[in-house]
N, C-alpha and C. Protein backbone atom coordinates (compact mmCIF):
# COMPACT_ATOMS: atom_id res chain seq x y z
N MET A 1 -27.48 5.54 -4.49
CA MET A 1 -26.88 4.27 -4.83
C MET A 1 -26.07 4.43 -6.11
N ASN A 2 -24.84 3.96 -6.07
CA ASN A 2 -23.94 4.07 -7.21
C ASN A 2 -24.07 2.81 -8.06
N THR A 3 -24.44 2.97 -9.33
CA THR A 3 -24.62 1.81 -10.21
C THR A 3 -23.59 1.80 -11.34
N ASP A 4 -22.52 2.59 -11.21
CA ASP A 4 -21.49 2.59 -12.24
C ASP A 4 -20.75 1.26 -12.24
N ILE A 5 -20.51 0.74 -13.43
CA ILE A 5 -19.75 -0.49 -13.56
C ILE A 5 -18.29 -0.10 -13.79
N THR A 6 -17.46 -0.50 -12.86
CA THR A 6 -16.04 -0.20 -12.94
C THR A 6 -15.26 -1.51 -12.96
N PRO A 7 -14.00 -1.46 -13.39
CA PRO A 7 -13.17 -2.67 -13.35
C PRO A 7 -13.06 -3.23 -11.93
N THR A 8 -13.00 -2.37 -10.95
CA THR A 8 -12.91 -2.81 -9.55
C THR A 8 -14.17 -3.56 -9.14
N THR A 9 -15.32 -3.03 -9.50
CA THR A 9 -16.59 -3.67 -9.17
C THR A 9 -16.70 -5.03 -9.86
N LEU A 10 -16.33 -5.09 -11.12
CA LEU A 10 -16.39 -6.36 -11.85
C LEU A 10 -15.46 -7.40 -11.24
N ALA A 11 -14.25 -6.98 -10.88
CA ALA A 11 -13.30 -7.91 -10.27
C ALA A 11 -13.83 -8.44 -8.94
N PHE A 12 -14.37 -7.54 -8.13
CA PHE A 12 -14.91 -7.95 -6.84
C PHE A 12 -16.07 -8.94 -7.01
N GLU A 13 -16.99 -8.62 -7.91
CA GLU A 13 -18.15 -9.49 -8.13
C GLU A 13 -17.72 -10.84 -8.70
N TYR A 14 -16.73 -10.83 -9.58
CA TYR A 14 -16.22 -12.08 -10.14
C TYR A 14 -15.66 -12.96 -9.03
N LEU A 15 -14.80 -12.40 -8.19
CA LEU A 15 -14.20 -13.17 -7.11
C LEU A 15 -15.24 -13.61 -6.07
N ARG A 16 -16.23 -12.79 -5.87
CA ARG A 16 -17.27 -13.13 -4.89
C ARG A 16 -18.03 -14.39 -5.31
N ARG A 17 -18.17 -14.60 -6.60
CA ARG A 17 -18.90 -15.76 -7.10
C ARG A 17 -18.02 -16.99 -7.30
N GLU A 18 -16.72 -16.82 -7.26
CA GLU A 18 -15.80 -17.95 -7.41
C GLU A 18 -15.86 -18.85 -6.19
N GLU A 19 -15.73 -20.14 -6.41
CA GLU A 19 -15.77 -21.08 -5.30
C GLU A 19 -14.37 -21.50 -4.86
N GLU A 20 -13.35 -20.95 -5.50
CA GLU A 20 -11.97 -21.27 -5.17
C GLU A 20 -11.60 -20.64 -3.83
N ASN A 21 -10.97 -21.42 -2.96
CA ASN A 21 -10.52 -20.91 -1.67
C ASN A 21 -9.14 -20.29 -1.83
N LEU A 22 -9.05 -19.00 -1.56
CA LEU A 22 -7.79 -18.27 -1.69
C LEU A 22 -7.36 -17.72 -0.35
N THR A 23 -6.05 -17.65 -0.15
CA THR A 23 -5.54 -16.96 1.03
C THR A 23 -5.75 -15.47 0.81
N PRO A 24 -5.68 -14.66 1.85
CA PRO A 24 -5.82 -13.22 1.65
C PRO A 24 -4.83 -12.65 0.63
N ALA A 25 -3.59 -13.13 0.67
CA ALA A 25 -2.59 -12.65 -0.29
C ALA A 25 -2.95 -13.07 -1.72
N GLN A 26 -3.37 -14.31 -1.90
CA GLN A 26 -3.78 -14.78 -3.22
C GLN A 26 -4.99 -14.00 -3.72
N TYR A 27 -5.92 -13.72 -2.81
CA TYR A 27 -7.11 -12.96 -3.17
C TYR A 27 -6.73 -11.57 -3.69
N LEU A 28 -5.83 -10.90 -2.99
CA LEU A 28 -5.42 -9.56 -3.41
C LEU A 28 -4.69 -9.58 -4.75
N ILE A 29 -3.85 -10.57 -4.95
CA ILE A 29 -3.15 -10.69 -6.23
C ILE A 29 -4.14 -10.94 -7.36
N ARG A 30 -5.05 -11.88 -7.15
CA ARG A 30 -6.06 -12.19 -8.16
C ARG A 30 -6.97 -10.99 -8.43
N PHE A 31 -7.31 -10.27 -7.35
CA PHE A 31 -8.16 -9.09 -7.48
C PHE A 31 -7.48 -8.04 -8.36
N LYS A 32 -6.20 -7.81 -8.14
CA LYS A 32 -5.46 -6.81 -8.94
C LYS A 32 -5.37 -7.26 -10.40
N GLN A 33 -5.11 -8.56 -10.63
CA GLN A 33 -5.05 -9.08 -11.99
C GLN A 33 -6.37 -8.89 -12.72
N LEU A 34 -7.44 -9.26 -12.04
CA LEU A 34 -8.77 -9.13 -12.66
C LEU A 34 -9.14 -7.68 -12.92
N THR A 35 -8.80 -6.79 -11.99
CA THR A 35 -9.09 -5.36 -12.17
C THR A 35 -8.40 -4.85 -13.43
N LEU A 36 -7.13 -5.23 -13.62
CA LEU A 36 -6.40 -4.80 -14.82
C LEU A 36 -6.98 -5.42 -16.09
N GLU A 37 -7.37 -6.68 -16.02
CA GLU A 37 -7.98 -7.33 -17.19
C GLU A 37 -9.30 -6.69 -17.57
N PHE A 38 -10.16 -6.43 -16.57
CA PHE A 38 -11.44 -5.78 -16.86
C PHE A 38 -11.24 -4.36 -17.38
N ALA A 39 -10.24 -3.65 -16.85
CA ALA A 39 -9.97 -2.29 -17.33
C ALA A 39 -9.57 -2.34 -18.80
N GLY A 40 -8.75 -3.30 -19.17
CA GLY A 40 -8.34 -3.45 -20.56
C GLY A 40 -9.52 -3.77 -21.46
N LEU A 41 -10.38 -4.67 -21.01
CA LEU A 41 -11.55 -5.03 -21.81
C LEU A 41 -12.52 -3.87 -21.97
N MET A 42 -12.65 -3.06 -20.93
CA MET A 42 -13.59 -1.94 -20.99
C MET A 42 -13.11 -0.83 -21.92
N GLU A 43 -11.82 -0.83 -22.25
CA GLU A 43 -11.28 0.19 -23.16
C GLU A 43 -11.42 -0.21 -24.63
N LEU A 44 -11.79 -1.47 -24.90
CA LEU A 44 -11.88 -1.95 -26.27
C LEU A 44 -13.12 -1.40 -26.97
N THR A 45 -13.00 -1.25 -28.27
CA THR A 45 -14.17 -0.90 -29.07
C THR A 45 -15.02 -2.16 -29.22
N SER A 46 -16.23 -2.02 -29.70
CA SER A 46 -17.11 -3.18 -29.85
C SER A 46 -16.51 -4.20 -30.83
N LEU A 47 -15.86 -3.73 -31.87
CA LEU A 47 -15.23 -4.64 -32.84
C LEU A 47 -14.07 -5.38 -32.20
N GLU A 48 -13.24 -4.68 -31.46
CA GLU A 48 -12.11 -5.33 -30.77
C GLU A 48 -12.61 -6.35 -29.75
N LEU A 49 -13.67 -6.01 -29.05
CA LEU A 49 -14.23 -6.92 -28.05
C LEU A 49 -14.78 -8.18 -28.73
N ARG A 50 -15.45 -7.99 -29.86
CA ARG A 50 -15.97 -9.13 -30.60
C ARG A 50 -14.83 -10.04 -31.06
N GLU A 51 -13.71 -9.45 -31.50
CA GLU A 51 -12.55 -10.24 -31.91
C GLU A 51 -11.97 -11.01 -30.74
N GLU A 52 -11.90 -10.39 -29.57
CA GLU A 52 -11.39 -11.07 -28.37
C GLU A 52 -12.28 -12.25 -27.99
N ILE A 53 -13.58 -12.05 -28.05
CA ILE A 53 -14.53 -13.11 -27.71
C ILE A 53 -14.41 -14.25 -28.71
N SER A 54 -14.30 -13.93 -29.98
CA SER A 54 -14.16 -14.95 -31.01
C SER A 54 -12.87 -15.75 -30.82
N TYR A 55 -11.78 -15.06 -30.49
CA TYR A 55 -10.50 -15.72 -30.26
C TYR A 55 -10.59 -16.65 -29.05
N ALA A 56 -11.20 -16.20 -27.97
CA ALA A 56 -11.36 -17.03 -26.78
C ALA A 56 -12.22 -18.25 -27.08
N TRP A 57 -13.25 -18.06 -27.88
CA TRP A 57 -14.13 -19.16 -28.24
C TRP A 57 -13.37 -20.22 -29.02
N ARG A 58 -12.52 -19.76 -29.96
CA ARG A 58 -11.73 -20.71 -30.75
C ARG A 58 -10.75 -21.49 -29.87
N LEU A 59 -10.27 -20.86 -28.80
CA LEU A 59 -9.36 -21.54 -27.88
C LEU A 59 -10.10 -22.44 -26.90
N GLY A 60 -11.42 -22.38 -26.88
CA GLY A 60 -12.21 -23.20 -25.98
C GLY A 60 -12.41 -22.58 -24.61
N ILE A 61 -12.15 -21.27 -24.51
CA ILE A 61 -12.35 -20.55 -23.25
C ILE A 61 -13.75 -19.98 -23.27
N HIS A 62 -14.56 -20.34 -22.30
CA HIS A 62 -15.95 -19.86 -22.28
C HIS A 62 -16.17 -19.00 -21.10
């Protein structure tokens, strides 16, 4: 069993839990966007990640 956390796995799991109804094309576009976003986040250092979380919190994004 493979338990590695990858941007692809995170994107898939995120979309799997979303209740938004997407067409297949919208799903693929959203999947690619999320994969790239998770890849970017996974490359951050812990300090950079903390700054991103703090910035999102100040904007009201939870």
